[in-house]
Structures are given as structure tokens and as C-alpha cells.
Amino acid sequence: QVQLVESGGGLVQAGGSLRLSCAASGRALSSYTMGWFRQAPGKEREFVAAISMGGGSTYYADSVKGRFTISRDNAKNTVYLQMNSLKPEDTAVYYCAADRSSWYSGSYGRQNAYDYWGQGTQVTVSS
């Protein structure tokens, strides 16, 4: 069992930056592919980014590519999402999730591949 807690959300102006953190407890995060997802008001939850167990591979949704960076520090049992050049359409609740599957299963973009989820952190980008 893994418990995930997100932090770092808040209110920021368009063009600004935020760094989200996802701290894990219960088991070593190095055993999991990690992902970030988001859900905007009135919309379905969508994939944002994923990172392999060792951190050597990453994958991004087209909407955030070039602006967001996912990283991890397995020694600190923490995953990060650096968000730059934020836009109002990035406003959402952001969730981190842990997947026991290997990166090479190719399932990291699918919500139903993830086994554990955090409670989410709100990100609001004002125009």
C-alpha cells in the first residue's frame, strides 16, 4: 500500500510557474511508475505526465509538452511536476498516481493502469 500526498498548488497569474510535489509513504516510490493527472471543472480527468521507475523515461500530454517537467527523487520518495508558462486552461485539481506496472507495458497514459492516487491539489491560473 502506498499513500500519496500532493502539495504546492495555489493561485498564480498566467505566465507564472508552480512546482507540485507528491510525497509517498508506505512503500518505496522507486517500485512505481508515477504519473500526474488533472481534472478541470466540468471535465473528465486527463493525463498530464508520467515518469519511469528510475526516472530515465518521461512522457507528456501534448497540451503541456515543453512547459511542464516531471521528475522524481527516489531517495526522498517524492515526485515533482514543474509547471512553467502557465495558462488559464491549466486550472484544475492535479493528482499524482502510482502504477506498479513496468514502463515498458506502455500503459502509463491510462488512468486505469494506476493503482494508488493522492487526494489532489488545486491549481488556479488567472488571466
N, C-alpha and C. Protein backbone atom coordinates (compact mmCIF):
# COMPACT_ATOMS: atom_id res chain seq x y z
N GLN A 1 0.85 -1.18 0.00
CA GLN A 1 0.00 0.00 0.00
C GLN A 1 0.88 1.24 0.00
N VAL A 2 0.52 2.20 -0.84
CA VAL A 2 1.26 3.47 -0.93
C VAL A 2 0.28 4.59 -0.65
N GLN A 3 0.70 5.52 0.18
CA GLN A 3 -0.09 6.73 0.41
C GLN A 3 0.62 7.89 -0.29
N LEU A 4 -0.15 8.66 -1.03
CA LEU A 4 0.39 9.77 -1.81
C LEU A 4 -0.25 11.07 -1.35
N VAL A 5 0.58 12.10 -1.15
CA VAL A 5 0.09 13.40 -0.73
C VAL A 5 0.69 14.47 -1.62
N GLU A 6 -0.17 15.18 -2.33
CA GLU A 6 0.27 16.27 -3.20
C GLU A 6 0.34 17.59 -2.42
N SER A 7 1.21 18.46 -2.87
CA SER A 7 1.31 19.80 -2.30
C SER A 7 1.87 20.73 -3.37
N GLY A 8 1.81 22.02 -3.09
CA GLY A 8 2.41 23.00 -3.99
C GLY A 8 1.44 23.73 -4.88
N GLY A 9 0.17 23.37 -4.83
CA GLY A 9 -0.81 24.07 -5.64
C GLY A 9 -1.07 25.47 -5.11
N GLY A 10 -1.81 26.24 -5.89
CA GLY A 10 -2.14 27.59 -5.46
C GLY A 10 -2.65 28.41 -6.60
N LEU A 11 -2.69 29.73 -6.37
CA LEU A 11 -3.16 30.70 -7.35
C LEU A 11 -1.96 31.40 -7.97
N VAL A 12 -1.92 31.44 -9.29
CA VAL A 12 -0.80 32.07 -9.98
C VAL A 12 -1.33 32.77 -11.22
N GLN A 13 -0.65 33.84 -11.63
CA GLN A 13 -1.06 34.55 -12.84
C GLN A 13 -0.57 33.80 -14.08
N ALA A 14 -1.27 34.02 -15.17
CA ALA A 14 -0.86 33.43 -16.44
C ALA A 14 0.59 33.81 -16.74
N GLY A 15 1.34 32.83 -17.21
CA GLY A 15 2.76 33.04 -17.48
C GLY A 15 3.65 32.68 -16.31
N GLY A 16 3.06 32.45 -15.17
CA GLY A 16 3.83 32.13 -13.97
C GLY A 16 4.17 30.65 -13.87
N SER A 17 4.76 30.29 -12.73
CA SER A 17 5.23 28.92 -12.52
C SER A 17 4.80 28.41 -11.16
N LEU A 18 4.67 27.11 -11.08
CA LEU A 18 4.44 26.41 -9.82
C LEU A 18 5.17 25.08 -9.88
N ARG A 19 5.56 24.57 -8.72
CA ARG A 19 6.11 23.23 -8.65
C ARG A 19 5.27 22.41 -7.68
N LEU A 20 4.69 21.36 -8.21
CA LEU A 20 3.93 20.44 -7.39
C LEU A 20 4.83 19.32 -6.89
N SER A 21 4.53 18.87 -5.67
CA SER A 21 5.25 17.74 -5.10
C SER A 21 4.26 16.64 -4.74
N CYS A 22 4.72 15.42 -4.81
CA CYS A 22 3.92 14.27 -4.43
C CYS A 22 4.80 13.40 -3.54
N ALA A 23 4.49 13.40 -2.26
CA ALA A 23 5.27 12.64 -1.29
C ALA A 23 4.59 11.30 -1.02
N ALA A 24 5.39 10.26 -1.02
CA ALA A 24 4.85 8.92 -0.82
C ALA A 24 5.29 8.35 0.52
N SER A 25 4.44 7.53 1.09
CA SER A 25 4.78 6.79 2.30
C SER A 25 4.19 5.39 2.18
N GLY A 26 4.74 4.49 2.95
CA GLY A 26 4.23 3.13 2.95
C GLY A 26 5.12 2.17 2.20
N ARG A 27 5.57 2.57 1.03
CA ARG A 27 6.48 1.74 0.25
C ARG A 27 7.41 2.65 -0.54
N ALA A 28 8.51 2.08 -0.99
CA ALA A 28 9.48 2.86 -1.76
C ALA A 28 8.89 3.24 -3.11
N LEU A 29 8.99 4.51 -3.41
CA LEU A 29 8.44 5.02 -4.66
C LEU A 29 9.17 4.48 -5.88
N SER A 30 10.39 4.03 -5.67
CA SER A 30 11.20 3.51 -6.77
C SER A 30 10.60 2.27 -7.42
N SER A 31 9.60 1.67 -6.77
CA SER A 31 8.94 0.48 -7.31
C SER A 31 7.79 0.81 -8.24
N TYR A 32 7.56 2.10 -8.49
CA TYR A 32 6.37 2.51 -9.23
C TYR A 32 6.69 3.46 -10.37
N THR A 33 6.03 3.23 -11.48
CA THR A 33 5.89 4.27 -12.48
C THR A 33 4.95 5.32 -11.88
N MET A 34 5.28 6.59 -12.06
CA MET A 34 4.48 7.66 -11.46
C MET A 34 3.88 8.56 -12.53
N GLY A 35 2.68 9.02 -12.25
CA GLY A 35 2.02 9.89 -13.21
C GLY A 35 1.34 11.06 -12.52
N TRP A 36 1.13 12.11 -13.30
CA TRP A 36 0.32 13.26 -12.87
C TRP A 36 -0.89 13.33 -13.81
N PHE A 37 -2.02 13.58 -13.21
CA PHE A 37 -3.27 13.76 -13.95
C PHE A 37 -3.91 15.05 -13.44
N ARG A 38 -4.90 15.55 -14.17
CA ARG A 38 -5.62 16.74 -13.72
C ARG A 38 -7.07 16.66 -14.13
N GLN A 39 -7.89 17.36 -13.35
CA GLN A 39 -9.32 17.43 -13.65
C GLN A 39 -9.79 18.86 -13.50
N ALA A 40 -10.22 19.44 -14.60
CA ALA A 40 -10.76 20.79 -14.61
C ALA A 40 -12.26 20.72 -14.30
N PRO A 41 -12.82 21.84 -13.83
CA PRO A 41 -14.25 21.85 -13.52
C PRO A 41 -15.10 21.45 -14.72
N GLY A 42 -15.99 20.50 -14.51
CA GLY A 42 -16.89 20.07 -15.57
C GLY A 42 -16.27 19.19 -16.62
N LYS A 43 -15.02 18.78 -16.41
CA LYS A 43 -14.34 17.95 -17.40
C LYS A 43 -13.87 16.64 -16.77
N GLU A 44 -13.56 15.69 -17.62
CA GLU A 44 -13.04 14.42 -17.13
C GLU A 44 -11.56 14.59 -16.75
N ARG A 45 -11.12 13.70 -15.87
CA ARG A 45 -9.71 13.72 -15.50
C ARG A 45 -8.87 13.29 -16.70
N GLU A 46 -7.73 13.97 -16.89
CA GLU A 46 -6.89 13.70 -18.04
C GLU A 46 -5.44 13.51 -17.63
N PHE A 47 -4.73 12.79 -18.47
CA PHE A 47 -3.30 12.54 -18.26
C PHE A 47 -2.50 13.82 -18.50
N VAL A 48 -1.45 14.00 -17.67
CA VAL A 48 -0.56 15.15 -17.83
C VAL A 48 0.86 14.69 -18.15
N ALA A 49 1.43 13.84 -17.29
CA ALA A 49 2.82 13.42 -17.47
C ALA A 49 3.07 12.14 -16.69
N ALA A 50 4.09 11.40 -17.11
CA ALA A 50 4.48 10.18 -16.41
C ALA A 50 5.99 10.03 -16.45
N ILE A 51 6.52 9.28 -15.48
CA ILE A 51 7.95 9.06 -15.39
C ILE A 51 8.20 7.62 -14.95
N SER A 52 9.23 7.03 -15.53
CA SER A 52 9.54 5.63 -15.23
C SER A 52 10.13 5.49 -13.83
N MET A 53 10.27 4.26 -13.39
CA MET A 53 10.70 3.98 -12.02
C MET A 53 12.05 4.60 -11.70
N GLY A 54 12.97 4.53 -12.63
CA GLY A 54 14.30 5.07 -12.40
C GLY A 54 14.44 6.52 -12.81
N GLY A 55 13.42 7.05 -13.47
CA GLY A 55 13.44 8.45 -13.90
C GLY A 55 14.03 8.68 -15.28
N GLY A 56 14.44 7.60 -15.94
CA GLY A 56 15.11 7.77 -17.22
C GLY A 56 14.19 8.02 -18.40
N SER A 57 12.91 7.74 -18.23
CA SER A 57 11.94 7.94 -19.31
C SER A 57 10.79 8.79 -18.82
N THR A 58 10.34 9.70 -19.68
CA THR A 58 9.20 10.54 -19.35
C THR A 58 8.27 10.62 -20.56
N TYR A 59 7.03 11.03 -20.29
CA TYR A 59 6.03 11.14 -21.35
C TYR A 59 5.05 12.22 -20.94
N TYR A 60 4.67 13.06 -21.93
CA TYR A 60 3.83 14.22 -21.64
C TYR A 60 2.62 14.27 -22.56
N ALA A 61 1.54 14.82 -22.05
CA ALA A 61 0.43 15.17 -22.90
C ALA A 61 0.86 16.31 -23.81
N ASP A 62 0.31 16.34 -25.02
CA ASP A 62 0.69 17.39 -25.97
C ASP A 62 0.41 18.78 -25.42
N SER A 63 -0.62 18.90 -24.61
CA SER A 63 -1.03 20.21 -24.11
C SER A 63 -0.03 20.83 -23.14
N VAL A 64 0.86 20.02 -22.58
CA VAL A 64 1.82 20.55 -21.59
C VAL A 64 3.27 20.37 -22.04
N LYS A 65 3.47 19.71 -23.14
CA LYS A 65 4.83 19.43 -23.62
C LYS A 65 5.58 20.74 -23.84
N GLY A 66 6.80 20.78 -23.32
CA GLY A 66 7.61 21.98 -23.45
C GLY A 66 7.39 23.00 -22.35
N ARG A 67 6.33 22.83 -21.55
CA ARG A 67 6.05 23.76 -20.44
C ARG A 67 6.17 23.08 -19.08
N PHE A 68 5.81 21.82 -19.01
CA PHE A 68 5.85 21.08 -17.75
C PHE A 68 7.00 20.07 -17.78
N THR A 69 7.56 19.81 -16.60
CA THR A 69 8.61 18.81 -16.46
C THR A 69 8.33 17.94 -15.25
N ILE A 70 8.29 16.64 -15.48
CA ILE A 70 8.12 15.69 -14.38
C ILE A 70 9.49 15.17 -13.99
N SER A 71 9.70 15.00 -12.69
CA SER A 71 10.96 14.46 -12.20
C SER A 71 10.68 13.71 -10.90
N ARG A 72 11.67 13.01 -10.44
CA ARG A 72 11.50 12.24 -9.20
C ARG A 72 12.81 12.17 -8.45
N ASP A 73 12.69 12.07 -7.13
CA ASP A 73 13.83 11.85 -6.25
C ASP A 73 13.48 10.64 -5.40
N ASN A 74 13.93 9.49 -5.83
CA ASN A 74 13.54 8.27 -5.12
C ASN A 74 14.12 8.21 -3.71
N ALA A 75 15.23 8.87 -3.49
CA ALA A 75 15.80 8.90 -2.14
C ALA A 75 14.88 9.66 -1.18
N LYS A 76 14.15 10.63 -1.72
CA LYS A 76 13.22 11.41 -0.91
C LYS A 76 11.78 10.89 -1.05
N ASN A 77 11.61 9.84 -1.85
CA ASN A 77 10.27 9.27 -2.06
C ASN A 77 9.28 10.32 -2.56
N THR A 78 9.73 11.15 -3.48
CA THR A 78 8.94 12.29 -3.94
C THR A 78 9.02 12.43 -5.45
N VAL A 79 7.88 12.79 -6.04
CA VAL A 79 7.80 13.10 -7.46
C VAL A 79 7.38 14.56 -7.59
N TYR A 80 7.88 15.21 -8.63
CA TYR A 80 7.62 16.63 -8.82
C TYR A 80 7.00 16.89 -10.19
N LEU A 81 6.28 17.99 -10.27
CA LEU A 81 5.81 18.48 -11.56
C LEU A 81 6.09 19.98 -11.59
N GLN A 82 7.11 20.36 -12.36
CA GLN A 82 7.43 21.76 -12.56
C GLN A 82 6.57 22.29 -13.69
N MET A 83 5.81 23.32 -13.40
CA MET A 83 4.88 23.87 -14.38
C MET A 83 5.28 25.31 -14.68
N ASN A 84 5.67 25.57 -15.90
CA ASN A 84 6.06 26.91 -16.34
C ASN A 84 5.10 27.42 -17.41
N SER A 85 5.16 28.72 -17.64
CA SER A 85 4.31 29.34 -18.67
C SER A 85 2.85 28.89 -18.52
N LEU A 86 2.37 28.99 -17.32
CA LEU A 86 1.02 28.50 -17.03
C LEU A 86 -0.03 29.33 -17.76
N LYS A 87 -1.10 28.63 -18.15
CA LYS A 87 -2.21 29.24 -18.87
C LYS A 87 -3.50 29.04 -18.06
N PRO A 88 -4.49 29.90 -18.27
CA PRO A 88 -5.76 29.69 -17.56
C PRO A 88 -6.35 28.30 -17.76
N GLU A 89 -6.11 27.72 -18.92
CA GLU A 89 -6.66 26.38 -19.19
C GLU A 89 -5.92 25.27 -18.42
N ASP A 90 -4.86 25.61 -17.72
CA ASP A 90 -4.20 24.65 -16.85
C ASP A 90 -4.88 24.57 -15.48
N THR A 91 -5.86 25.43 -15.24
CA THR A 91 -6.58 25.41 -13.98
C THR A 91 -7.28 24.07 -13.79
N ALA A 92 -6.99 23.40 -12.67
CA ALA A 92 -7.53 22.06 -12.42
C ALA A 92 -7.07 21.59 -11.04
N VAL A 93 -7.66 20.50 -10.61
CA VAL A 93 -7.10 19.76 -9.48
C VAL A 93 -6.10 18.76 -10.06
N TYR A 94 -4.90 18.79 -9.52
CA TYR A 94 -3.83 17.93 -10.01
C TYR A 94 -3.63 16.76 -9.05
N TYR A 95 -3.56 15.56 -9.63
CA TYR A 95 -3.40 14.34 -8.85
C TYR A 95 -2.13 13.61 -9.26
N CYS A 96 -1.45 13.05 -8.27
CA CYS A 96 -0.38 12.12 -8.62
C CYS A 96 -0.88 10.70 -8.40
N ALA A 97 -0.26 9.77 -9.09
CA ALA A 97 -0.70 8.38 -9.04
C ALA A 97 0.49 7.46 -9.23
N ALA A 98 0.38 6.26 -8.67
CA ALA A 98 1.45 5.27 -8.72
C ALA A 98 0.97 4.01 -9.43
N ASP A 99 1.82 3.51 -10.32
CA ASP A 99 1.49 2.35 -11.13
C ASP A 99 2.55 1.27 -10.91
N ARG A 100 2.14 0.09 -10.53
CA ARG A 100 3.09 -0.99 -10.30
C ARG A 100 3.65 -1.58 -11.59
N SER A 101 3.03 -1.25 -12.72
CA SER A 101 3.47 -1.82 -13.98
C SER A 101 4.80 -1.23 -14.42
N SER A 102 5.54 -2.03 -15.16
CA SER A 102 6.78 -1.54 -15.76
C SER A 102 6.46 -0.48 -16.82
N TRP A 103 7.38 0.43 -17.01
CA TRP A 103 7.24 1.46 -18.04
C TRP A 103 7.01 0.82 -19.41
N TYR A 104 7.61 -0.32 -19.62
CA TYR A 104 7.58 -0.95 -20.94
C TYR A 104 6.24 -1.62 -21.24
N SER A 105 5.33 -1.61 -20.26
CA SER A 105 3.97 -2.08 -20.55
C SER A 105 3.23 -1.06 -21.42
N GLY A 106 3.71 0.18 -21.41
CA GLY A 106 3.12 1.22 -22.24
C GLY A 106 1.79 1.76 -21.75
N SER A 107 1.44 1.45 -20.51
CA SER A 107 0.12 1.82 -20.00
C SER A 107 0.10 3.13 -19.24
N TYR A 108 1.23 3.83 -19.16
CA TYR A 108 1.37 4.99 -18.27
C TYR A 108 0.47 6.16 -18.60
N GLY A 109 -0.12 6.18 -19.77
CA GLY A 109 -1.04 7.27 -20.13
C GLY A 109 -2.48 6.99 -19.72
N ARG A 110 -2.76 5.81 -19.25
CA ARG A 110 -4.13 5.40 -18.95
C ARG A 110 -4.40 5.44 -17.46
N GLN A 111 -5.50 6.10 -17.08
CA GLN A 111 -5.83 6.22 -15.66
C GLN A 111 -6.03 4.87 -15.01
N ASN A 112 -6.64 3.94 -15.73
CA ASN A 112 -6.97 2.66 -15.10
C ASN A 112 -5.74 1.77 -14.91
N ALA A 113 -4.57 2.24 -15.36
CA ALA A 113 -3.34 1.50 -15.10
C ALA A 113 -2.78 1.79 -13.72
N TYR A 114 -3.21 2.86 -13.10
CA TYR A 114 -2.63 3.32 -11.84
C TYR A 114 -3.36 2.71 -10.64
N ASP A 115 -2.55 2.32 -9.67
CA ASP A 115 -3.07 1.59 -8.53
C ASP A 115 -3.38 2.46 -7.31
N TYR A 116 -2.64 3.53 -7.17
CA TYR A 116 -2.80 4.40 -5.99
C TYR A 116 -2.87 5.85 -6.45
N TRP A 117 -3.69 6.62 -5.73
CA TRP A 117 -3.94 8.02 -6.07
C TRP A 117 -3.86 8.89 -4.83
N GLY A 118 -3.37 10.12 -5.04
CA GLY A 118 -3.44 11.11 -3.98
C GLY A 118 -4.78 11.81 -3.99
N GLN A 119 -4.94 12.75 -3.06
CA GLN A 119 -6.21 13.47 -2.91
C GLN A 119 -6.30 14.68 -3.84
N GLY A 120 -5.18 15.11 -4.35
CA GLY A 120 -5.20 16.22 -5.30
C GLY A 120 -4.84 17.55 -4.67
N THR A 121 -4.35 18.46 -5.50
CA THR A 121 -4.04 19.82 -5.09
C THR A 121 -4.54 20.77 -6.17
N GLN A 122 -5.16 21.87 -5.72
CA GLN A 122 -5.79 22.79 -6.66
C GLN A 122 -4.76 23.75 -7.25
N VAL A 123 -4.80 23.89 -8.56
CA VAL A 123 -4.00 24.89 -9.27
C VAL A 123 -4.97 25.81 -10.01
N THR A 124 -4.85 27.10 -9.74
CA THR A 124 -5.70 28.09 -10.39
C THR A 124 -4.83 29.11 -11.07
N VAL A 125 -5.03 29.30 -12.37
CA VAL A 125 -4.25 30.24 -13.15
C VAL A 125 -5.18 31.36 -13.60
N SER A 126 -4.88 32.56 -13.16
CA SER A 126 -5.72 33.70 -13.52
C SER A 126 -5.18 34.39 -14.77
N SER A 127 -6.09 34.96 -15.54
CA SER A 127 -5.69 35.63 -16.79
C SER A 127 -5.38 37.09 -16.56
